[in-house]
Protein backbone atom coordinates (compact mmCIF):
# COMPACT_ATOMS: atom_id res chain seq x y z
CA MET A 1 136.41 121.18 79.82
CA ASN A 2 136.89 123.37 82.82
CA GLU A 3 133.46 123.15 84.57
CA LEU A 4 133.80 124.37 88.33
CA ILE A 5 132.87 121.69 90.85
CA PHE A 6 132.43 122.05 94.43
CA GLN A 7 131.38 119.84 97.41
CA VAL A 8 129.18 121.44 100.14
CA ASP A 9 127.85 120.26 103.45
CA ALA A 10 124.22 121.22 103.53
CA PHE A 11 121.98 121.93 106.48
CA THR A 12 124.74 122.51 108.90
CA ASN A 13 127.22 125.50 109.83
CA GLN A 14 130.03 122.83 110.71
CA PRO A 15 131.95 121.03 108.27
CA PHE A 16 131.89 117.05 108.04
CA SER A 17 128.24 117.09 109.19
CA GLY A 18 125.01 117.69 107.47
CA ASN A 19 124.41 116.34 103.96
CA PRO A 20 127.39 116.52 101.50
CA ALA A 21 126.32 117.38 97.83
CA GLY A 22 128.23 118.19 94.70
CA VAL A 23 127.54 121.35 92.77
CA VAL A 24 128.75 121.67 89.13
CA LEU A 25 128.81 124.91 87.34
CA LEU A 26 128.29 124.21 83.80
CA ASN A 27 129.90 126.35 80.95
CA LYS A 28 127.52 124.61 78.20
CA GLY A 29 124.62 122.06 78.43
CA GLN A 30 126.01 118.39 78.74
CA SER A 31 124.39 115.10 78.15
CA GLU A 32 122.27 113.17 80.71
CA ASP A 33 124.82 110.42 80.74
CA TRP A 34 127.85 112.73 81.07
CA MET A 35 125.94 114.32 84.23
CA LEU A 36 125.07 110.63 85.65
CA SER A 37 128.82 109.79 85.16
CA VAL A 38 130.07 112.77 87.31
CA ALA A 39 127.35 112.03 90.00
CA ARG A 40 128.70 108.41 90.01
CA GLU A 41 132.41 109.65 90.14
CA MET A 42 131.52 111.99 93.17
CA ASN A 43 129.36 109.20 94.98
CA LEU A 44 127.28 111.42 97.01
CA SER A 45 123.54 111.23 97.77
CA GLU A 46 123.13 114.08 95.23
CA THR A 47 124.89 116.13 92.77
CA ALA A 48 123.51 119.36 91.43
CA PHE A 49 124.13 120.64 87.86
CA LEU A 50 123.61 124.48 87.06
CA ILE A 51 123.46 126.56 83.89
CA GLY A 52 122.46 129.95 83.61
CA GLU A 53 123.19 133.50 84.67
CA LYS A 54 121.78 136.77 86.25
CA ALA A 55 120.06 134.77 89.09
CA SER A 56 118.17 132.40 86.53
CA TYR A 57 119.49 128.95 86.27
CA SER A 58 118.47 125.46 85.13
CA LEU A 59 118.98 123.05 87.80
CA ARG A 60 119.30 119.15 87.75
CA TRP A 61 119.90 116.60 90.46
CA PHE A 62 121.47 113.33 90.10
CA THR A 63 122.10 110.53 92.62
CA PRO A 64 124.77 107.94 91.41
CA SER A 65 121.99 105.96 89.91
CA THR A 66 119.42 108.24 88.58
CA GLU A 67 117.92 111.91 88.05
CA VAL A 68 115.57 112.81 90.62
CA ASP A 69 112.59 115.26 90.44
CA LEU A 70 113.32 117.21 93.74
CA CYS A 71 116.38 117.57 96.05
CA GLY A 72 116.60 119.99 98.88
CA HIS A 73 120.02 119.64 100.18
CA ALA A 74 121.67 120.08 96.78
CA THR A 75 119.41 122.97 95.82
CA LEU A 76 120.65 124.61 99.03
CA SER A 77 124.39 123.80 98.12
CA ALA A 78 123.81 125.17 94.72
CA ALA A 79 122.29 128.37 96.12
CA HIS A 80 125.08 128.70 98.71
CA ILE A 81 127.92 128.39 96.08
CA LEU A 82 126.14 131.16 94.11
CA TYR A 83 125.92 133.51 97.09
CA GLU A 84 129.24 132.54 98.45
CA LYS A 85 131.16 133.11 95.26
CA GLU A 86 129.36 136.47 94.69
CA ILE A 87 127.99 134.97 91.34
CA VAL A 88 124.57 136.40 92.54
CA GLU A 89 124.16 139.07 95.22
CA LYS A 90 122.75 138.13 98.59
CA SER A 91 120.13 140.61 98.20
CA GLU A 92 118.82 138.83 95.02
CA PHE A 93 116.32 135.92 94.76
CA ILE A 94 117.69 133.00 92.70
CA LYS A 95 115.26 131.24 90.26
CA PHE A 96 115.77 127.61 89.47
CA ALA A 97 113.93 126.06 86.44
CA THR A 98 113.64 122.33 87.45
CA ARG A 99 111.64 119.01 86.99
CA SER A 100 109.45 120.34 89.82
CA GLY A 101 108.76 123.70 88.50
CA GLU A 102 110.40 127.01 89.39
CA LEU A 103 111.91 127.03 92.62
CA THR A 104 113.43 130.21 94.55
CA THR A 105 115.83 130.88 97.04
CA SER A 106 116.89 133.84 99.23
CA TYR A 107 119.49 134.74 101.71
CA ILE A 108 118.34 135.61 105.11
CA ASP A 109 120.50 136.47 108.05
CA GLY A 110 122.93 133.79 107.26
CA TRP A 111 120.33 131.13 106.28
CA ILE A 112 119.32 130.30 102.65
CA GLU A 113 115.59 129.94 102.28
CA MET A 114 114.13 127.70 99.50
CA ASN A 115 110.50 127.91 98.28
CA PHE A 116 109.31 124.63 97.74
CA PRO A 117 105.92 122.84 97.11
CA SER A 118 103.95 121.12 99.91
CA PHE A 119 102.97 117.70 99.61
CA THR A 120 99.60 116.23 101.23
CA THR A 121 99.41 112.86 102.99
CA GLU A 122 97.07 109.88 102.27
CA GLU A 123 96.61 107.26 104.89
CA VAL A 124 97.79 103.76 103.58
CA ALA A 125 95.06 101.16 104.14
CA SER A 126 97.58 98.27 104.49
CA GLY A 127 101.02 98.93 105.87
CA ASP A 128 102.18 95.24 106.51
CA ALA A 129 105.21 95.68 103.74
CA VAL A 130 106.29 99.00 105.26
CA ILE A 131 106.47 97.27 108.77
CA GLN A 132 108.34 94.34 107.58
CA ALA A 133 110.91 96.68 105.65
CA LEU A 134 111.24 98.97 108.86
CA LYS A 135 111.23 96.16 111.12
CA CYS A 136 109.10 98.24 113.54
CA GLU A 137 105.40 99.21 113.56
CA PRO A 138 104.73 102.88 113.22
CA ALA A 139 101.39 104.42 114.72
CA GLU A 140 100.36 105.64 111.18
CA ILE A 141 101.55 105.27 107.51
CA TYR A 142 100.81 107.54 104.86
CA ASN A 143 101.52 108.24 101.17
CA SER A 144 103.08 111.52 100.49
CA GLY A 145 104.65 112.80 97.34
CA GLU A 146 106.77 110.05 95.94
CA ASN A 147 107.42 108.74 99.36
CA ILE A 148 105.81 106.65 102.31
CA MET A 149 105.80 108.43 105.63
CA ALA A 150 105.75 106.45 108.72
CA VAL A 151 104.92 108.31 111.94
CA PHE A 152 105.89 106.69 115.33
CA SER A 153 104.81 107.77 118.71
CA ASP A 154 108.25 107.10 120.40
CA PRO A 155 111.16 109.05 119.43
CA GLU A 156 113.40 106.15 120.39
CA ASP A 157 112.06 104.18 117.62
CA ILE A 158 113.45 106.60 115.23
CA TYR A 159 116.78 106.62 116.69
CA ASN A 160 116.87 102.72 116.81
CA LEU A 161 115.71 101.99 113.22
CA SER A 162 117.62 99.41 111.47
CA PRO A 163 115.54 98.66 108.22
CA ASP A 164 115.74 96.19 105.74
CA PHE A 165 116.95 98.13 102.67
CA ASN A 166 116.21 95.11 100.28
CA LEU A 167 112.54 95.36 101.22
CA ILE A 168 112.39 99.02 101.30
CA LYS A 169 113.60 98.97 97.57
CA GLN A 170 110.47 96.66 96.88
CA LEU A 171 107.97 99.37 98.10
CA ASP A 172 106.16 101.30 95.55
CA ALA A 173 107.93 104.76 96.68
CA GLN A 174 110.95 106.67 96.20
CA GLY A 175 111.91 106.19 99.94
CA VAL A 176 110.49 105.88 103.49
CA ILE A 177 110.28 108.87 105.67
CA ALA A 178 110.30 107.92 109.59
CA THR A 179 109.18 110.59 111.84
CA SER A 180 107.94 111.36 115.43
CA LEU A 181 107.79 114.32 117.78
CA SER A 182 111.13 115.35 119.09
CA ASP A 183 112.45 114.47 122.46
CA VAL A 184 114.62 117.46 122.70
CA ALA A 185 112.79 120.91 123.34
CA GLU A 186 114.65 122.77 120.78
CA TYR A 187 113.10 120.92 118.09
CA ASP A 188 109.47 120.17 117.07
CA PHE A 189 110.09 116.83 115.45
CA ILE A 190 112.89 114.53 114.40
CA SER A 191 113.20 112.28 111.04
CA ARG A 192 115.07 109.78 109.09
CA TYR A 193 114.93 108.93 105.42
CA PHE A 194 115.78 105.86 103.54
CA ALA A 195 115.87 105.66 99.74
CA PRO A 196 118.05 102.50 98.38
CA ARG A 197 115.79 102.50 95.47
CA VAL A 198 117.64 105.76 94.13
CA GLY A 199 121.11 104.45 95.35
CA VAL A 200 120.85 106.05 99.10
CA ASP A 201 120.16 103.70 101.85
CA GLU A 202 119.98 106.53 104.53
CA ASP A 203 120.16 110.16 103.18
CA PRO A 204 121.84 112.33 105.94
CA VAL A 205 119.41 115.31 105.70
CA THR A 206 116.60 115.55 103.13
CA GLY A 207 115.00 118.77 102.40
CA SER A 208 112.40 117.54 99.97
CA ALA A 209 111.10 115.07 102.78
CA HIS A 210 110.22 118.07 104.59
CA CYS A 211 107.80 119.10 102.07
CA SER A 212 105.64 116.28 103.59
CA LEU A 213 106.90 116.72 107.13
CA GLY A 214 106.53 120.53 107.58
CA PRO A 215 102.92 120.38 106.52
CA TYR A 216 101.93 117.39 108.52
CA TRP A 217 103.55 118.51 111.66
CA GLY A 218 102.43 122.14 111.17
CA LYS A 219 98.76 120.83 111.24
CA ILE A 220 99.26 118.34 114.10
CA LEU A 221 101.07 121.02 116.29
CA ASN A 222 98.95 123.89 114.81
CA LYS A 223 102.23 125.77 113.94
CA ASN A 224 103.34 127.32 110.64
CA ILE A 225 106.96 127.93 111.94
CA LEU A 226 108.87 124.74 112.91
CA HIS A 227 112.46 123.63 113.86
CA ALA A 228 113.28 120.18 112.67
CA LYS A 229 116.28 117.64 113.27
CA GLN A 230 117.16 114.81 110.84
CA VAL A 231 118.81 112.42 113.08
CA SER A 232 121.09 110.56 111.04
CA ASP A 233 124.61 109.98 111.88
CA ARG A 234 125.77 113.16 110.29
CA GLY A 235 122.50 115.02 111.44
CA GLY A 236 121.19 118.37 110.20
CA GLU A 237 119.04 121.08 111.09
CA LEU A 238 116.03 122.69 109.24
CA GLN A 239 113.68 125.61 109.93
CA ILE A 240 110.34 125.25 108.21
CA ARG A 241 107.72 127.90 107.31
CA ILE A 242 104.22 126.92 105.87
CA GLU A 243 102.51 129.72 104.03
CA SER A 244 99.99 129.90 101.01
CA GLY A 245 100.28 126.04 100.27
CA ARG A 246 103.88 126.20 100.02
CA THR A 247 106.84 124.92 102.30
CA PHE A 248 109.66 127.15 102.82
CA ILE A 249 112.68 125.57 104.11
CA ARG A 250 115.82 127.40 105.48
CA GLY A 251 119.25 125.81 106.07
CA GLN A 252 122.86 126.81 106.30
CA ALA A 253 125.84 125.29 104.34
CA VAL A 254 129.64 125.02 104.23
CA THR A 255 131.97 124.59 101.28
CA VAL A 256 134.27 121.81 101.85
CA PHE A 257 136.39 121.72 98.56
CA SER A 258 136.48 123.12 95.09
CA GLY A 259 138.12 122.16 91.87
CA LYS A 260 137.66 121.73 88.08
CA ILE A 261 136.49 118.88 85.92
CA HIS A 262 138.99 118.10 83.09
CA ILE A 263 137.17 115.14 81.34
């Protein structure tokens, strides 16, 4: 085996920030157990596995504990490698066949734009379990996609959150998105994301969460173009465009290292 493997920092233009992801370029299909073992070895929030050619690829995402249906930063990382290594020309769209349907990416002025679905929000009738898990009471709580989204009135609440991860695991959701309007003029809103149920206590930057956040804040602010910041310790920036019921997410990425898998 000589599959190429990379580590990429996504949603940043600086190394050692943003969200790190593994990217594996497969020469042939591999078993689910093999891919999960590689993801565990990488021990990152997500590792992406690609197989294909001519700008059309099958793409799967694994945390160290499970396969997931949608991952933004690993998709960004995968597209970044294909463009950076000139496997795909920057003038071309890339089509990814995934568990969430066909996703496409394009290279625009140094940013990679991903065409993702938009998730609607449905207000939660009783949020006591969420409040206990977050140890702080949000102004509103919603179900959105596979996640719970907690909206706070004060940005300081987002920065200060120290949730109970064991209680978050018990919620009927993949993870919890915490968000508020931004306290910095450069950004429209801020967020954090907690997903211990899939092996990620806090994800540094979560593209898929913005399939909920973008449409929600776009409606609140009456904007279809937004600038977002995920305020984890590593942090990351996202540009979001809402159009035709889709969420277009732009980010940058930096390759940290590359190698080959010999097992």
